[in-house]
C-alpha atoms as a PDB file:
ATOM      1  CA  MET A   1      90.668  83.690  98.970  1.00  0.00           C
ATOM      2  CA  VAL A   2      94.109  86.110  98.598  1.00  0.00           C
ATOM      3  CA  LYS A   3      94.398  87.813 101.501  1.00  0.00           C
ATOM      4  CA  LYS A   4      94.864  91.894 100.235  1.00  0.00           C
ATOM      5  CA  GLY A   5      97.366  94.314 102.059  1.00  0.00           C
ATOM      6  CA  SER A   6      96.342  96.538 104.018  1.00  0.00           C
ATOM      7  CA  GLU A   7      96.680  99.883 101.839  1.00  0.00           C
ATOM      8  CA  LEU A   8      97.757 103.558 104.179  1.00  0.00           C
ATOM      9  CA  LYS A   9      94.833 106.531 102.896  1.00  0.00           C
ATOM     10  CA  ILE A  10      97.158 109.119 103.396  1.00  0.00           C
ATOM     11  CA  GLY A  11      97.005 110.695  99.477  1.00  0.00           C
ATOM     12  CA  GLY A  12      98.674 107.824  97.126  1.00  0.00           C
ATOM     13  CA  ALA A  13     102.547 106.933  96.463  1.00  0.00           C
ATOM     14  CA  ASP A  14     104.148 110.060  97.405  1.00  0.00           C
ATOM     15  CA  ALA A  15     102.867 110.491 100.466  1.00  0.00           C
ATOM     16  CA  LEU A  16     104.173 106.958 101.328  1.00  0.00           C
ATOM     17  CA  LEU A  17     107.202 107.016 100.274  1.00  0.00           C
ATOM     18  CA  GLU A  18     107.770 110.297 102.320  1.00  0.00           C
ATOM     19  CA  LEU A  19     106.961 108.928 105.378  1.00  0.00           C
ATOM     20  CA  GLY A  20     108.691 106.399 105.017  1.00  0.00           C
ATOM     21  CA  ALA A  21     112.359 107.818 103.951  1.00  0.00           C
ATOM     22  CA  VAL A  22     111.916 109.564 107.149  1.00  0.00           C
ATOM     23  CA  VAL A  23     112.622 105.450 108.521  1.00  0.00           C
ATOM     24  CA  SER A  24     114.356 105.211 105.299  1.00  0.00           C
ATOM     25  CA  ASP A  25     116.974 107.779 106.534  1.00  0.00           C
ATOM     26  CA  ARG A  26     117.453 106.326 110.461  1.00  0.00           C
ATOM     27  CA  VAL A  27     117.965 102.215 109.828  1.00  0.00           C
ATOM     28  CA  GLN A  28     120.209  99.478 108.467  1.00  0.00           C
ATOM     29  CA  ILE A  29     118.538  95.831 107.697  1.00  0.00           C
ATOM     30  CA  GLN A  30     120.133  93.362 109.921  1.00  0.00           C
ATOM     31  CA  ASN A  31     118.270  90.658 108.670  1.00  0.00           C
ATOM     32  CA  VAL A  32     115.710  88.173 106.402  1.00  0.00           C
ATOM     33  CA  HIS A  33     114.131  85.321 107.327  1.00  0.00           C
ATOM     34  CA  LEU A  34     112.060  83.286 105.429  1.00  0.00           C
ATOM     35  CA  LEU A  35     109.440  82.569 109.062  1.00  0.00           C
ATOM     36  CA  GLU A  36     106.324  80.343 107.407  1.00  0.00           C
ATOM     37  CA  THR A  37     105.987  79.299 104.122  1.00  0.00           C
ATOM     38  CA  ARG A  38     102.440  77.228 102.014  1.00  0.00           C
ATOM     39  CA  ALA A  39     103.065  75.486  98.236  1.00  0.00           C
ATOM     40  CA  LYS A  40     100.218  73.967  96.449  1.00  0.00           C
ATOM     41  CA  ARG A  41     100.114  72.680  93.214  1.00  0.00           C
ATOM     42  CA  GLY A  42      97.094  71.574  91.402  1.00  0.00           C
ATOM     43  CA  SER A  43      96.100  70.950  87.853  1.00  0.00           C
ATOM     44  CA  ILE A  44      98.298  72.469  85.719  1.00  0.00           C
ATOM     45  CA  ARG A  45      97.622  71.767  81.874  1.00  0.00           C
ATOM     46  CA  GLU A  46     100.532  72.613  79.637  1.00  0.00           C
ATOM     47  CA  LYS A  47     100.431  74.384  77.061  1.00  0.00           C
ATOM     48  CA  GLN A  48      98.001  77.004  78.447  1.00  0.00           C
ATOM     49  CA  PRO A  49      98.499  79.907  79.694  1.00  0.00           C
ATOM     50  CA  LEU A  50      97.841  81.244  83.721  1.00  0.00           C
ATOM     51  CA  HIS A  51      96.233  83.982  84.847  1.00  0.00           C
ATOM     52  CA  LEU A  52      98.511  85.157  87.868  1.00  0.00           C
ATOM     53  CA  ARG A  53      97.579  87.417  90.605  1.00  0.00           C
ATOM     54  CA  PHE A  54      99.866  88.679  93.532  1.00  0.00           C
ATOM     55  CA  SER A  55      98.911  89.570  96.820  1.00  0.00           C
ATOM     56  CA  VAL A  56     100.792  91.487  99.247  1.00  0.00           C
ATOM     57  CA  ASN A  57      99.861  92.113 103.620  1.00  0.00           C
ATOM     58  CA  VAL A  58     102.718  94.010 104.964  1.00  0.00           C
ATOM     59  CA  THR A  59     102.901  94.418 109.099  1.00  0.00           C
ATOM     60  CA  THR A  60     105.375  96.128 111.498  1.00  0.00           C
ATOM     61  CA  GLN A  61     106.300  95.861 115.083  1.00  0.00           C
ATOM     62  CA  VAL A  62     108.686  98.083 116.705  1.00  0.00           C
ATOM     63  CA  ASP A  63     111.009  96.748 119.677  1.00  0.00           C
ATOM     64  CA  GLN A  64     111.944 100.228 121.119  1.00  0.00           C
ATOM     65  CA  SER A  65     113.729  98.751 123.805  1.00  0.00           C
ATOM     66  CA  LYS A  66     116.669  96.931 121.161  1.00  0.00           C
ATOM     67  CA  SER A  67     115.529  99.992 118.665  1.00  0.00           C
ATOM     68  CA  ILE A  68     114.718  97.134 116.478  1.00  0.00           C
ATOM     69  CA  LEU A  69     111.829  97.507 113.270  1.00  0.00           C
ATOM     70  CA  LEU A  70     110.145  94.635 112.397  1.00  0.00           C
ATOM     71  CA  VAL A  71     108.900  94.015 108.774  1.00  0.00           C
ATOM     72  CA  ARG A  72     106.222  90.763 108.432  1.00  0.00           C
ATOM     73  CA  PRO A  73     105.146  91.126 104.663  1.00  0.00           C
ATOM     74  CA  LEU A  74     103.314  88.094 103.422  1.00  0.00           C
ATOM     75  CA  LEU A  75     103.567  87.001  99.391  1.00  0.00           C
ATOM     76  CA  THR A  76     100.921  85.402  98.421  1.00  0.00           C
ATOM     77  CA  MET A  77     101.036  84.257  94.366  1.00  0.00           C
ATOM     78  CA  ILE A  78      97.727  82.247  92.421  1.00  0.00           C
ATOM     79  CA  ALA A  79      97.775  81.079  88.863  1.00  0.00           C
ATOM     80  CA  SER A  80      94.960  79.759  87.313  1.00  0.00           C
ATOM     81  CA  HIS A  81      94.090  78.725  84.480  1.00  0.00           C
ATOM     82  CA  GLU A  82      92.059  81.104  82.130  1.00  0.00           C
ATOM     83  CA  ASP A  83      88.810  78.778  81.785  1.00  0.00           C
ATOM     84  CA  ALA A  84      89.322  77.100  85.348  1.00  0.00           C
ATOM     85  CA  ALA A  85      86.359  77.421  87.829  1.00  0.00           C
ATOM     86  CA  ASP A  86      85.737  80.263  90.034  1.00  0.00           C
ATOM     87  CA  GLY A  87      88.420  79.033  93.043  1.00  0.00           C
ATOM     88  CA  GLU A  88      90.300  76.299  91.167  1.00  0.00           C
ATOM     89  CA  GLU A  89      94.409  76.986  91.851  1.00  0.00           C
ATOM     90  CA  ALA A  90      96.620  75.456  89.515  1.00  0.00           C
ATOM     91  CA  LEU A  91      99.424  76.571  91.619  1.00  0.00           C
ATOM     92  CA  ARG A  92      99.547  79.137  95.194  1.00  0.00           C
ATOM     93  CA  ILE A  93     102.870  79.848  97.270  1.00  0.00           C
ATOM     94  CA  GLU A  94     103.060  81.718 100.336  1.00  0.00           C
ATOM     95  CA  ALA A  95     105.535  82.581 102.115  1.00  0.00           C
ATOM     96  CA  LEU A  96     105.937  85.134 105.309  1.00  0.00           C
ATOM     97  CA  PHE A  97     108.776  86.653 106.175  1.00  0.00           C
ATOM     98  CA  VAL A  98     110.390  89.248 108.428  1.00  0.00           C
ATOM     99  CA  LEU A  99     112.554  91.655 107.822  1.00  0.00           C
ATOM    100  CA  ALA A 100     114.902  93.060 111.067  1.00  0.00           C
ATOM    101  CA  TYR A 101     116.009  96.795 110.720  1.00  0.00           C
ATOM    102  CA  ARG A 102     118.216  98.908 113.382  1.00  0.00           C
ATOM    103  CA  VAL A 103     116.569 101.670 114.420  1.00  0.00           C
ATOM    104  CA  ASP A 104     119.403 104.648 115.094  1.00  0.00           C
ATOM    105  CA  SER A 105     116.783 106.898 116.622  1.00  0.00           C
ATOM    106  CA  LEU A 106     113.085 106.457 117.136  1.00  0.00           C
ATOM    107  CA  LYS A 107     112.634 110.535 118.318  1.00  0.00           C
ATOM    108  CA  GLY A 108     109.750 111.716 115.532  1.00  0.00           C
ATOM    109  CA  LEU A 109     108.450 108.717 114.046  1.00  0.00           C
ATOM    110  CA  ASP A 110     105.354 106.806 115.008  1.00  0.00           C
ATOM    111  CA  LYS A 111     103.035 104.190 113.567  1.00  0.00           C
ATOM    112  CA  THR A 112     102.495 105.828 110.087  1.00  0.00           C
ATOM    113  CA  ASN A 113     105.844 106.364 108.955  1.00  0.00           C
ATOM    114  CA  PHE A 114     106.884 102.428 110.186  1.00  0.00           C
ATOM    115  CA  ASP A 115     104.085 101.225 108.279  1.00  0.00           C
ATOM    116  CA  ALA A 116     104.596 103.118 105.815  1.00  0.00           C
ATOM    117  CA  PHE A 117     108.624 101.890 105.123  1.00  0.00           C
ATOM    118  CA  GLY A 118     107.429  98.285 105.636  1.00  0.00           C
ATOM    119  CA  GLU A 119     105.094  99.040 103.015  1.00  0.00           C
ATOM    120  CA  THR A 120     107.442 100.786 100.595  1.00  0.00           C
ATOM    121  CA  ASN A 121     111.424  99.731 101.354  1.00  0.00           C
ATOM    122  CA  GLY A 122     110.236  96.523 103.289  1.00  0.00           C
ATOM    123  CA  LEU A 123     108.530  95.478 100.108  1.00  0.00           C
ATOM    124  CA  TYR A 124     111.383  96.111  98.098  1.00  0.00           C
ATOM    125  CA  ASN A 125     114.221  94.629 100.121  1.00  0.00           C
ATOM    126  CA  VAL A 126     112.040  91.573 100.700  1.00  0.00           C
ATOM    127  CA  TRP A 127     111.092  90.693  96.467  1.00  0.00           C
ATOM    128  CA  PRO A 128     114.775  89.509  95.230  1.00  0.00           C
ATOM    129  CA  PHE A 129     113.859  87.046  98.104  1.00  0.00           C
ATOM    130  CA  TRP A 130     110.371  86.152  96.751  1.00  0.00           C
ATOM    131  CA  ARG A 131     111.187  85.843  93.276  1.00  0.00           C
ATOM    132  CA  GLU A 132     114.309  83.774  94.539  1.00  0.00           C
ATOM    133  CA  TYR A 133     111.548  81.627  96.858  1.00  0.00           C
ATOM    134  CA  VAL A 134     109.277  81.089  93.808  1.00  0.00           C
ATOM    135  CA  GLN A 135     111.463  80.209  90.792  1.00  0.00           C
ATOM    136  CA  ALA A 136     112.910  77.605  93.689  1.00  0.00           C
ATOM    137  CA  THR A 137     109.487  76.020  94.879  1.00  0.00           C
ATOM    138  CA  THR A 138     108.232  75.543  91.419  1.00  0.00           C
ATOM    139  CA  ALA A 139     110.906  74.195  90.146  1.00  0.00           C
ATOM    140  CA  ARG A 140     110.491  71.710  93.135  1.00  0.00           C
ATOM    141  CA  LEU A 141     107.011  71.236  92.524  1.00  0.00           C
ATOM    142  CA  GLY A 142     108.269  69.863  89.452  1.00  0.00           C
ATOM    143  CA  LEU A 143     107.750  72.344  87.463  1.00  0.00           C
ATOM    144  CA  PRO A 144     109.446  74.763  85.328  1.00  0.00           C
ATOM    145  CA  PRO A 145     110.678  77.435  87.022  1.00  0.00           C
ATOM    146  CA  LEU A 146     108.954  80.225  87.258  1.00  0.00           C
ATOM    147  CA  THR A 147     110.063  84.144  87.313  1.00  0.00           C
ATOM    148  CA  ILE A 148     108.407  86.871  88.885  1.00  0.00           C
ATOM    149  CA  PRO A 149     108.631  89.737  87.067  1.00  0.00           C
ATOM    150  CA  VAL A 150     110.594  92.921  89.183  1.00  0.00           C
ATOM    151  CA  LEU A 151     108.407  94.841  91.548  1.00  0.00           C
ATOM    152  CA  PRO A 152     106.966  97.439  89.688  1.00  0.00           C
ATOM    153  CA  PRO A 153     106.573 101.100  91.711  1.00  0.00           C
ATOM    154  CA  ALA A 154     103.320 101.696  93.619  1.00  0.00           C
ATOM    155  CA  LYS A 155     101.793  98.321  92.642  1.00  0.00           C
ATOM    156  CA  ARG A 156     101.263  95.530  95.764  1.00  0.00           C
ATOM    157  CA  ASN A 157      98.362  93.081  94.478  1.00  0.00           C
ATOM    158  CA  VAL A 158      98.741  92.766  90.627  1.00  0.00           C
ATOM    159  CA  GLU A 159      96.229  90.752  88.916  1.00  0.00           C
ATOM    160  CA  ALA A 160      97.522  89.493  85.603  1.00  0.00           C
ATOM    161  CA  SER A 161      96.198  87.584  82.587  1.00  0.00           C
ATOM    162  CA  GLU A 162      99.544  86.693  80.392  1.00  0.00           C
ATOM    163  CA  GLN A 163     101.654  83.788  79.449  1.00  0.00           C
ATOM    164  CA  VAL A 164     104.061  82.507  82.020  1.00  0.00           C
ATOM    165  CA  ARG A 165     107.308  83.653  81.217  1.00  0.00           C
ATOM    166  CA  ARG A 166     109.278  80.706  81.835  1.00  0.00           C
ATOM    167  CA  THR A 167     113.313  80.850  82.903  1.00  0.00           C
ATOM    168  CA  SER A 168     114.878  78.887  79.687  1.00  0.00           C
ATOM    169  CA  PRO A 169     119.513  78.116  80.122  1.00  0.00           C
ATOM    170  CA  ARG A 170     120.646  81.307  77.788  1.00  0.00           C
ATOM    171  CA  PRO A 171     122.949  80.246  74.992  1.00  0.00           C
ATOM    172  CA  LYS A 172     126.390  81.370  76.461  1.00  0.00           C
ATOM    173  CA  ARG A 173     128.472  83.640  74.644  1.00  0.00           C
ATOM    174  CA  THR A 174     131.680  82.993  73.337  1.00  0.00           C
ATOM    175  CA  LYS A 175     134.086  85.638  73.668  1.00  0.00           C
ATOM    176  CA  LYS A 176     135.979  85.986  69.985  1.00  0.00           C
ATOM    177  CA  PRO A 177     139.596  85.922  70.317  1.00  0.00           C
ATOM    178  CA  ARG A 178     141.299  88.887  69.888  1.00  0.00           C
ATOM    179  CA  GLN A 179     143.238  89.558  67.177  1.00  0.00           C
ATOM    180  CA  SER A 180     146.724  90.590  67.243  1.00  0.00           C
ATOM    181  CA  SER A 181     147.829  93.823  65.927  1.00  0.00           C
ATOM    182  CA  SER A 182     151.061  93.050  63.605  1.00  0.00           C
ATOM    183  CA  THR A 183     153.753  95.491  63.958  1.00  0.00           C
END
Protein backbone atom coordinates (compact mmCIF):
# COMPACT_ATOMS: atom_id res chain seq x y z
CA MET A 1 0.00 0.00 0.00
CA VAL A 2 1.34 3.41 -0.92
CA LYS A 3 1.46 5.72 2.05
CA LYS A 4 -0.22 8.97 1.13
CA GLY A 5 1.25 12.16 2.51
CA SER A 6 -0.67 14.32 4.90
CA GLU A 7 -2.25 17.28 3.21
CA LEU A 8 -2.77 20.59 4.90
CA LYS A 9 -6.13 22.07 3.91
CA ILE A 10 -5.38 25.75 4.32
CA GLY A 11 -6.13 27.35 0.99
CA GLY A 12 -3.71 25.78 -1.45
CA ALA A 13 -0.03 25.86 -2.31
CA ASP A 14 0.32 29.63 -1.92
CA ALA A 15 -0.96 29.56 1.67
CA LEU A 16 1.30 26.60 2.42
CA LEU A 17 4.30 28.49 1.08
CA GLU A 18 3.41 31.58 3.10
CA LEU A 19 3.09 29.62 6.34
CA GLY A 20 6.38 27.82 5.70
CA ALA A 21 8.20 31.00 4.65
CA VAL A 22 7.87 32.39 8.17
CA VAL A 23 9.87 29.40 9.41
CA SER A 24 12.39 29.42 6.56
CA ASP A 25 13.48 32.93 7.51
CA ARG A 26 14.51 31.61 10.94
CA VAL A 27 16.19 28.24 10.31
CA GLN A 28 19.53 26.83 9.25
CA ILE A 29 19.81 23.22 8.15
CA GLN A 30 22.16 21.28 10.42
CA ASN A 31 22.14 17.79 8.91
CA VAL A 32 20.31 15.20 6.85
CA HIS A 33 20.35 11.52 7.82
CA LEU A 34 18.82 8.36 6.42
CA LEU A 35 16.95 6.66 9.29
CA GLU A 36 15.25 3.69 7.62
CA THR A 37 15.21 2.13 4.22
CA ARG A 38 13.61 -0.73 2.34
CA ALA A 39 14.15 -1.90 -1.20
CA LYS A 40 12.56 -4.84 -2.96
CA ARG A 41 13.06 -6.00 -6.53
CA GLY A 42 10.36 -8.07 -8.13
CA SER A 43 10.11 -9.37 -11.65
CA ILE A 44 11.21 -6.75 -14.14
CA ARG A 45 10.65 -7.37 -17.83
CA GLU A 46 13.20 -5.76 -20.08
CA LYS A 47 12.14 -3.20 -22.66
CA GLN A 48 8.68 -2.77 -21.17
CA PRO A 49 7.64 0.59 -19.74
CA LEU A 50 7.05 0.88 -16.03
CA HIS A 51 4.26 2.73 -14.29
CA LEU A 52 5.84 4.85 -11.54
CA ARG A 53 4.11 6.06 -8.39
CA PHE A 54 5.69 8.32 -5.83
CA SER A 55 4.35 9.26 -2.44
CA VAL A 56 5.55 11.35 0.46
CA ASN A 57 4.50 11.49 4.09
CA VAL A 58 6.12 14.32 6.06
CA THR A 59 5.99 14.72 9.83
CA THR A 60 7.56 17.45 11.95
CA GLN A 61 8.65 17.73 15.56
CA VAL A 62 10.03 20.69 17.49
CA ASP A 63 12.40 20.38 20.44
CA GLN A 64 11.74 23.74 22.08
CA SER A 65 14.45 23.34 24.72
CA LYS A 66 17.13 23.01 22.00
CA SER A 67 15.39 25.16 19.35
CA ILE A 68 15.60 22.29 16.86
CA LEU A 69 13.05 21.42 14.19
CA LEU A 70 13.06 17.83 12.92
CA VAL A 71 11.44 17.10 9.58
CA ARG A 72 10.89 13.41 8.77
CA PRO A 73 9.91 12.72 5.16
CA LEU A 74 9.06 9.13 4.25
CA LEU A 75 9.47 8.78 0.48
CA THR A 76 8.21 5.83 -1.53
CA MET A 77 8.63 4.87 -5.17
CA ILE A 78 6.74 1.92 -6.62
CA ALA A 79 7.27 0.70 -10.17
CA SER A 80 4.96 -1.81 -11.83
CA HIS A 81 4.43 -2.99 -15.36
CA GLU A 82 1.40 -1.48 -17.02
CA ASP A 83 -0.19 -4.91 -17.49
CA ALA A 84 0.63 -6.13 -13.96
CA ALA A 85 -2.04 -7.52 -11.69
CA ASP A 86 -3.19 -5.27 -8.84
CA GLY A 87 -0.54 -5.02 -6.18
CA GLU A 88 2.19 -6.68 -8.26
CA GLU A 89 5.25 -4.52 -7.84
CA ALA A 90 8.32 -4.74 -10.04
CA LEU A 91 10.26 -2.46 -7.69
CA ARG A 92 9.67 -0.69 -4.38
CA ILE A 93 12.09 1.69 -2.72
CA GLU A 94 11.30 3.49 0.55
CA ALA A 95 13.46 5.79 2.61
CA LEU A 96 12.82 7.69 5.82
CA PHE A 97 15.09 10.68 6.29
CA VAL A 98 15.41 13.14 9.14
CA LEU A 99 16.43 16.74 8.53
CA ALA A 100 17.48 18.79 11.55
CA TYR A 101 17.17 22.57 11.48
CA ARG A 102 18.35 25.06 14.10
CA VAL A 103 15.58 27.58 14.73
CA ASP A 104 16.74 31.09 15.65
CA SER A 105 13.41 32.05 17.26
CA LEU A 106 10.27 30.05 17.98
CA LYS A 107 8.29 33.17 18.87
CA GLY A 108 4.99 33.39 16.98
CA LEU A 109 5.41 29.99 15.28
CA ASP A 110 3.04 27.08 15.75
CA LYS A 111 2.54 23.53 14.46
CA THR A 112 0.84 24.79 11.30
CA ASN A 113 3.95 26.80 10.39
CA PHE A 114 6.29 23.89 11.07
CA ASP A 115 4.12 21.43 9.13
CA ALA A 116 3.93 23.83 6.17
CA PHE A 117 7.72 24.26 6.27
CA GLY A 118 8.22 20.48 6.34
CA GLU A 119 5.83 19.98 3.43
CA THR A 120 7.58 22.61 1.31
CA ASN A 121 11.18 23.44 2.24
CA GLY A 122 11.85 20.15 4.02
CA LEU A 123 10.72 18.18 1.01
CA TYR A 124 12.79 20.30 -1.39
CA ASN A 125 15.84 19.98 0.88
CA VAL A 126 15.62 16.17 0.98
CA TRP A 127 14.75 15.58 -2.69
CA PRO A 128 18.36 15.53 -3.99
CA PHE A 129 19.25 12.95 -1.32
CA TRP A 130 16.23 10.86 -2.37
CA ARG A 131 17.17 11.09 -6.05
CA GLU A 132 20.72 9.94 -5.32
CA TYR A 133 19.45 7.16 -3.06
CA VAL A 134 17.07 5.78 -5.72
CA GLN A 135 19.75 5.95 -8.40
CA ALA A 136 22.32 4.15 -6.24
CA THR A 137 19.80 1.59 -4.96
CA THR A 138 18.56 0.60 -8.41
CA ALA A 139 22.18 0.03 -9.47
CA ARG A 140 22.79 -2.09 -6.35
CA LEU A 141 19.71 -4.13 -7.21
CA GLY A 142 21.33 -5.00 -10.54
CA LEU A 143 19.18 -2.61 -12.56
CA PRO A 144 20.19 0.29 -14.75
CA PRO A 145 20.35 3.38 -12.51
CA LEU A 146 17.01 5.17 -12.39
CA THR A 147 17.05 8.96 -12.45
CA ILE A 148 14.13 10.46 -10.54
CA PRO A 149 12.94 13.76 -12.03
CA VAL A 150 13.36 17.02 -10.17
CA LEU A 151 10.53 17.76 -7.77
CA PRO A 152 7.77 19.65 -9.55
CA PRO A 153 6.31 22.57 -7.59
CA ALA A 154 3.28 21.73 -5.43
CA LYS A 155 3.18 18.05 -6.41
CA ARG A 156 3.83 15.56 -3.68
CA ASN A 157 2.03 12.38 -4.70
CA VAL A 158 2.68 11.67 -8.35
CA GLU A 159 1.41 8.83 -10.45
CA ALA A 160 2.50 8.62 -14.05
CA SER A 161 2.92 6.12 -16.84
CA GLU A 162 6.11 6.76 -18.65
CA GLN A 163 9.15 5.14 -20.03
CA VAL A 164 11.60 5.00 -17.18
CA ARG A 165 14.52 7.21 -18.02
CA ARG A 166 17.77 5.42 -17.34
CA THR A 167 21.05 7.16 -16.99
CA SER A 168 23.66 6.35 -19.53
CA PRO A 169 27.14 7.65 -19.93
CA ARG A 170 27.14 10.91 -21.80
CA PRO A 171 29.53 11.31 -24.65
CA LYS A 172 32.65 13.10 -23.57
CA ARG A 173 33.05 16.58 -24.88
CA THR A 174 36.32 17.31 -26.48
CA LYS A 175 37.75 20.75 -26.49
CA LYS A 176 38.58 22.18 -29.83
CA PRO A 177 42.15 23.40 -29.90
CA ARG A 178 42.43 27.16 -29.89
CA GLN A 179 43.70 28.65 -33.02
CA SER A 180 46.48 31.04 -32.36
CA SER A 181 46.35 34.35 -34.04
CA SER A 182 49.38 35.11 -36.10
CA THR A 183 50.89 38.54 -36.12
